[in-house]
PDB file of all heavy atoms in Angstrom:
ATOM      1  N   ALA A   1      -5.832   3.201  -7.604  1.00  0.00           N
ATOM      2  CA  ALA A   1      -6.819   4.165  -8.091  1.00  0.00           C
ATOM      3  C   ALA A   1      -7.677   4.757  -6.987  1.00  0.00           C
ATOM      4  O   ALA A   1      -8.183   5.863  -7.122  1.00  0.00           O
ATOM      5  CB  ALA A   1      -7.718   3.489  -9.136  1.00  0.00           C
ATOM      6  N   ASP A   2      -7.836   3.997  -5.887  1.00  0.00           N
ATOM      7  CA  ASP A   2      -8.718   4.456  -4.822  1.00  0.00           C
ATOM      8  C   ASP A   2      -8.322   3.796  -3.501  1.00  0.00           C
ATOM      9  O   ASP A   2      -7.383   3.001  -3.449  1.00  0.00           O
ATOM     10  CB  ASP A   2     -10.179   4.148  -5.172  1.00  0.00           C
ATOM     11  CG  ASP A   2     -10.409   2.687  -5.534  1.00  0.00           C
ATOM     12  OD1 ASP A   2      -9.765   1.795  -4.936  1.00  0.00           O
ATOM     13  OD2 ASP A   2     -11.244   2.417  -6.416  1.00  0.00           O
ATOM     14  N   ALA A   3      -9.050   4.124  -2.431  1.00  0.00           N
ATOM     15  CA  ALA A   3      -8.717   3.609  -1.098  1.00  0.00           C
ATOM     16  C   ALA A   3      -8.814   2.092  -1.030  1.00  0.00           C
ATOM     17  O   ALA A   3      -7.992   1.443  -0.372  1.00  0.00           O
ATOM     18  CB  ALA A   3      -9.605   4.259  -0.049  1.00  0.00           C
ATOM     19  N   ALA A   4      -9.786   1.508  -1.707  1.00  0.00           N
ATOM     20  CA  ALA A   4      -9.937   0.048  -1.674  1.00  0.00           C
ATOM     21  C   ALA A   4      -8.723  -0.629  -2.307  1.00  0.00           C
ATOM     22  O   ALA A   4      -8.189  -1.600  -1.768  1.00  0.00           O
ATOM     23  CB  ALA A   4     -11.224  -0.370  -2.378  1.00  0.00           C
ATOM     24  N   ALA A   5      -8.279  -0.123  -3.452  1.00  0.00           N
ATOM     25  CA  ALA A   5      -7.092  -0.680  -4.113  1.00  0.00           C
ATOM     26  C   ALA A   5      -5.857  -0.472  -3.242  1.00  0.00           C
ATOM     27  O   ALA A   5      -4.978  -1.337  -3.178  1.00  0.00           O
ATOM     28  CB  ALA A   5      -6.898  -0.038  -5.480  1.00  0.00           C
ATOM     29  N   CYS A   6      -5.809   0.643  -2.548  1.00  0.00           N
ATOM     30  CA  CYS A   6      -4.675   0.923  -1.655  1.00  0.00           C
ATOM     31  C   CYS A   6      -4.641  -0.084  -0.507  1.00  0.00           C
ATOM     32  O   CYS A   6      -3.590  -0.638  -0.196  1.00  0.00           O
ATOM     33  CB  CYS A   6      -4.780   2.345  -1.133  1.00  0.00           C
ATOM     34  SG  CYS A   6      -3.386   2.826  -0.113  1.00  0.00           S
ATOM     35  N   ARG A   7      -5.787  -0.322   0.124  1.00  0.00           N
ATOM     36  CA  ARG A   7      -5.848  -1.314   1.214  1.00  0.00           C
ATOM     37  C   ARG A   7      -5.413  -2.691   0.722  1.00  0.00           C
ATOM     38  O   ARG A   7      -4.671  -3.402   1.402  1.00  0.00           O
ATOM     39  CB  ARG A   7      -7.248  -1.359   1.814  1.00  0.00           C
ATOM     40  CG  ARG A   7      -7.538  -0.230   2.767  1.00  0.00           C
ATOM     41  CD  ARG A   7      -8.832  -0.450   3.538  1.00  0.00           C
ATOM     42  NE  ARG A   7      -9.994  -0.304   2.694  1.00  0.00           N
ATOM     43  CZ  ARG A   7     -10.581   0.869   2.405  1.00  0.00           C
ATOM     44  NH1 ARG A   7     -10.105   1.981   2.905  1.00  0.00           N
ATOM     45  NH2 ARG A   7     -11.633   0.908   1.632  1.00  0.00           N
ATOM     46  N   HIS A   8      -5.858  -3.063  -0.467  1.00  0.00           N
ATOM     47  CA  HIS A   8      -5.485  -4.363  -1.038  1.00  0.00           C
ATOM     48  C   HIS A   8      -3.971  -4.428  -1.277  1.00  0.00           C
ATOM     49  O   HIS A   8      -3.328  -5.428  -0.938  1.00  0.00           O
ATOM     50  CB  HIS A   8      -6.247  -4.609  -2.340  1.00  0.00           C
ATOM     51  CG  HIS A   8      -5.871  -5.888  -3.013  1.00  0.00           C
ATOM     52  ND1 HIS A   8      -6.233  -7.125  -2.524  1.00  0.00           N
ATOM     53  CD2 HIS A   8      -5.138  -6.126  -4.119  1.00  0.00           C
ATOM     54  CE1 HIS A   8      -5.734  -8.067  -3.305  1.00  0.00           C
ATOM     55  NE2 HIS A   8      -5.072  -7.480  -4.289  1.00  0.00           N
ATOM     56  N   ALA A   9      -3.395  -3.366  -1.852  1.00  0.00           N
ATOM     57  CA  ALA A   9      -1.948  -3.343  -2.113  1.00  0.00           C
ATOM     58  C   ALA A   9      -1.158  -3.421  -0.812  1.00  0.00           C
ATOM     59  O   ALA A   9      -0.170  -4.153  -0.718  1.00  0.00           O
ATOM     60  CB  ALA A   9      -1.576  -2.079  -2.888  1.00  0.00           C
ATOM     61  N   LEU A  10      -1.601  -2.694   0.206  1.00  0.00           N
ATOM     62  CA  LEU A  10      -0.900  -2.711   1.496  1.00  0.00           C
ATOM     63  C   LEU A  10      -0.992  -4.094   2.153  1.00  0.00           C
ATOM     64  O   LEU A  10      -0.022  -4.583   2.721  1.00  0.00           O
ATOM     65  CB  LEU A  10      -1.465  -1.642   2.431  1.00  0.00           C
ATOM     66  CG  LEU A  10      -1.181  -0.197   2.020  1.00  0.00           C
ATOM     67  CD1 LEU A  10      -1.974   0.760   2.890  1.00  0.00           C
ATOM     68  CD2 LEU A  10       0.300   0.101   2.079  1.00  0.00           C
ATOM     69  N   ALA A  11      -2.154  -4.721   2.053  1.00  0.00           N
ATOM     70  CA  ALA A  11      -2.348  -6.038   2.661  1.00  0.00           C
ATOM     71  C   ALA A  11      -1.503  -7.116   1.983  1.00  0.00           C
ATOM     72  O   ALA A  11      -1.151  -8.113   2.616  1.00  0.00           O
ATOM     73  CB  ALA A  11      -3.825  -6.422   2.613  1.00  0.00           C
ATOM     74  N   SER A  12      -1.168  -6.903   0.718  1.00  0.00           N
ATOM     75  CA  SER A  12      -0.402  -7.917  -0.015  1.00  0.00           C
ATOM     76  C   SER A  12       1.103  -7.799   0.211  1.00  0.00           C
ATOM     77  O   SER A  12       1.861  -8.676  -0.208  1.00  0.00           O
ATOM     78  CB  SER A  12      -0.705  -7.834  -1.509  1.00  0.00           C
ATOM     79  OG  SER A  12      -0.189  -6.640  -2.053  1.00  0.00           O
ATOM     80  N   LEU A  13       1.549  -6.737   0.874  1.00  0.00           N
ATOM     81  CA  LEU A  13       2.980  -6.546   1.102  1.00  0.00           C
ATOM     82  C   LEU A  13       3.455  -7.336   2.315  1.00  0.00           C
ATOM     83  O   LEU A  13       2.762  -7.403   3.324  1.00  0.00           O
ATOM     84  CB  LEU A  13       3.287  -5.056   1.331  1.00  0.00           C
ATOM     85  CG  LEU A  13       3.149  -4.152   0.126  1.00  0.00           C
ATOM     86  CD1 LEU A  13       3.294  -2.690   0.547  1.00  0.00           C
ATOM     87  CD2 LEU A  13       4.190  -4.509  -0.929  1.00  0.00           C
ATOM     88  N   PRO A  14       4.662  -7.897   2.236  1.00  0.00           N
ATOM     89  CA  PRO A  14       5.230  -8.564   3.410  1.00  0.00           C
ATOM     90  C   PRO A  14       5.661  -7.517   4.442  1.00  0.00           C
ATOM     91  O   PRO A  14       5.873  -6.341   4.116  1.00  0.00           O
ATOM     92  CB  PRO A  14       6.441  -9.303   2.846  1.00  0.00           C
ATOM     93  CG  PRO A  14       6.830  -8.529   1.635  1.00  0.00           C
ATOM     94  CD  PRO A  14       5.547  -7.969   1.071  1.00  0.00           C
ATOM     95  N   ALA A  15       5.830  -7.936   5.672  1.00  0.00           N
ATOM     96  CA  ALA A  15       6.224  -7.024   6.752  1.00  0.00           C
ATOM     97  C   ALA A  15       7.535  -6.308   6.435  1.00  0.00           C
ATOM     98  O   ALA A  15       7.717  -5.136   6.786  1.00  0.00           O
ATOM     99  CB  ALA A  15       6.336  -7.784   8.063  1.00  0.00           C
ATOM    100  N   ALA A  16       8.449  -6.979   5.729  1.00  0.00           N
ATOM    101  CA  ALA A  16       9.746  -6.382   5.403  1.00  0.00           C
ATOM    102  C   ALA A  16       9.635  -5.219   4.425  1.00  0.00           C
ATOM    103  O   ALA A  16      10.592  -4.463   4.252  1.00  0.00           O
ATOM    104  CB  ALA A  16      10.689  -7.439   4.843  1.00  0.00           C
ATOM    105  N   ALA A  17       8.484  -5.043   3.797  1.00  0.00           N
ATOM    106  CA  ALA A  17       8.296  -3.931   2.866  1.00  0.00           C
ATOM    107  C   ALA A  17       8.070  -2.614   3.594  1.00  0.00           C
ATOM    108  O   ALA A  17       8.237  -1.551   3.014  1.00  0.00           O
ATOM    109  CB  ALA A  17       7.099  -4.206   1.954  1.00  0.00           C
ATOM    110  N   TYR A  18       7.705  -2.697   4.849  1.00  0.00           N
ATOM    111  CA  TYR A  18       7.381  -1.490   5.618  1.00  0.00           C
ATOM    112  C   TYR A  18       8.629  -0.867   6.208  1.00  0.00           C
ATOM    113  O   TYR A  18       9.574  -1.580   6.516  1.00  0.00           O
ATOM    114  CB  TYR A  18       6.374  -1.837   6.717  1.00  0.00           C
ATOM    115  CG  TYR A  18       5.004  -2.096   6.142  1.00  0.00           C
ATOM    116  CD1 TYR A  18       4.682  -3.351   5.640  1.00  0.00           C
ATOM    117  CD2 TYR A  18       4.070  -1.086   6.077  1.00  0.00           C
ATOM    118  CE1 TYR A  18       3.441  -3.591   5.080  1.00  0.00           C
ATOM    119  CE2 TYR A  18       2.817  -1.325   5.529  1.00  0.00           C
ATOM    120  CZ  TYR A  18       2.509  -2.574   5.032  1.00  0.00           C
ATOM    121  OH  TYR A  18       1.281  -2.808   4.472  1.00  0.00           O
ATOM    122  N   PRO A  19       8.650   0.466   6.338  1.00  0.00           N
ATOM    123  CA  PRO A  19       7.560   1.393   6.077  1.00  0.00           C
ATOM    124  C   PRO A  19       7.371   1.601   4.578  1.00  0.00           C
ATOM    125  O   PRO A  19       8.285   1.386   3.786  1.00  0.00           O
ATOM    126  CB  PRO A  19       8.027   2.690   6.734  1.00  0.00           C
ATOM    127  CG  PRO A  19       9.513   2.607   6.713  1.00  0.00           C
ATOM    128  CD  PRO A  19       9.842   1.138   6.835  1.00  0.00           C
ATOM    129  N   VAL A  20       6.172   2.019   4.199  1.00  0.00           N
ATOM    130  CA  VAL A  20       5.867   2.313   2.809  1.00  0.00           C
ATOM    131  C   VAL A  20       5.461   3.780   2.696  1.00  0.00           C
ATOM    132  O   VAL A  20       5.037   4.405   3.672  1.00  0.00           O
ATOM    133  CB  VAL A  20       4.748   1.413   2.235  1.00  0.00           C
ATOM    134  CG1 VAL A  20       5.150  -0.038   2.245  1.00  0.00           C
ATOM    135  CG2 VAL A  20       3.445   1.615   2.964  1.00  0.00           C
ATOM    136  N   LEU A  21       5.598   4.288   1.498  1.00  0.00           N
ATOM    137  CA  LEU A  21       5.191   5.649   1.190  1.00  0.00           C
ATOM    138  C   LEU A  21       3.966   5.571   0.304  1.00  0.00           C
ATOM    139  O   LEU A  21       3.962   4.828  -0.677  1.00  0.00           O
ATOM    140  CB  LEU A  21       6.322   6.378   0.457  1.00  0.00           C
ATOM    141  CG  LEU A  21       6.002   7.745  -0.145  1.00  0.00           C
ATOM    142  CD1 LEU A  21       5.756   8.764   0.975  1.00  0.00           C
ATOM    143  CD2 LEU A  21       7.140   8.203  -1.037  1.00  0.00           C
ATOM    144  N   LEU A  22       2.931   6.297   0.660  1.00  0.00           N
ATOM    145  CA  LEU A  22       1.776   6.444  -0.211  1.00  0.00           C
ATOM    146  C   LEU A  22       1.929   7.813  -0.853  1.00  0.00           C
ATOM    147  O   LEU A  22       1.835   8.839  -0.180  1.00  0.00           O
ATOM    148  CB  LEU A  22       0.466   6.348   0.566  1.00  0.00           C
ATOM    149  CG  LEU A  22      -0.800   6.532  -0.277  1.00  0.00           C
ATOM    150  CD1 LEU A  22      -0.897   5.469  -1.376  1.00  0.00           C
ATOM    151  CD2 LEU A  22      -2.035   6.496   0.613  1.00  0.00           C
ATOM    152  N   GLN A  23       2.240   7.816  -2.133  1.00  0.00           N
ATOM    153  CA  GLN A  23       2.541   9.065  -2.834  1.00  0.00           C
ATOM    154  C   GLN A  23       1.440   9.392  -3.822  1.00  0.00           C
ATOM    155  O   GLN A  23       1.102   8.582  -4.683  1.00  0.00           O
ATOM    156  CB  GLN A  23       3.875   8.947  -3.571  1.00  0.00           C
ATOM    157  CG  GLN A  23       4.275  10.212  -4.268  1.00  0.00           C
ATOM    158  CD  GLN A  23       5.636  10.094  -4.940  1.00  0.00           C
ATOM    159  OE1 GLN A  23       6.331   9.089  -4.799  1.00  0.00           O
ATOM    160  NE2 GLN A  23       6.009  11.103  -5.670  1.00  0.00           N
ATOM    161  N   ARG A  24       0.897  10.582  -3.674  1.00  0.00           N
ATOM    162  CA  ARG A  24      -0.129  11.068  -4.581  1.00  0.00           C
ATOM    163  C   ARG A  24       0.488  11.262  -5.965  1.00  0.00           C
ATOM    164  O   ARG A  24       1.628  11.678  -6.091  1.00  0.00           O
ATOM    165  CB  ARG A  24      -0.648  12.398  -4.053  1.00  0.00           C
ATOM    166  CG  ARG A  24      -1.769  12.965  -4.834  1.00  0.00           C
ATOM    167  CD  ARG A  24      -2.205  14.256  -4.176  1.00  0.00           C
ATOM    168  NE  ARG A  24      -3.549  14.570  -4.573  1.00  0.00           N
ATOM    169  CZ  ARG A  24      -4.201  15.619  -4.159  1.00  0.00           C
ATOM    170  NH1 ARG A  24      -3.649  16.443  -3.298  1.00  0.00           N
ATOM    171  NH2 ARG A  24      -5.423  15.844  -4.577  1.00  0.00           N
ATOM    172  N   ARG A  25      -0.268  10.961  -6.988  1.00  0.00           N
ATOM    173  CA  ARG A  25       0.226  11.172  -8.353  1.00  0.00           C
ATOM    174  C   ARG A  25       0.344  12.670  -8.601  1.00  0.00           C
ATOM    175  O   ARG A  25      -0.590  13.425  -8.357  1.00  0.00           O
ATOM    176  CB  ARG A  25      -0.702  10.546  -9.373  1.00  0.00           C
ATOM    177  CG  ARG A  25      -0.168  10.705 -10.766  1.00  0.00           C
ATOM    178  CD  ARG A  25      -1.083  10.100 -11.798  1.00  0.00           C
ATOM    179  NE  ARG A  25      -0.512  10.339 -13.088  1.00  0.00           N
ATOM    180  CZ  ARG A  25      -0.106   9.387 -13.900  1.00  0.00           C
ATOM    181  NH1 ARG A  25      -0.220   8.140 -13.557  1.00  0.00           N
ATOM    182  NH2 ARG A  25       0.402   9.693 -15.062  1.00  0.00           N
TER     183      ARG A  25
END
């Protein structure tokens, strides 16, 4: 929903998940 939730989601991903796409709704 916001930057804080995004940082939390990114921090919870393992290294193998990267690269990731941040896609706007």
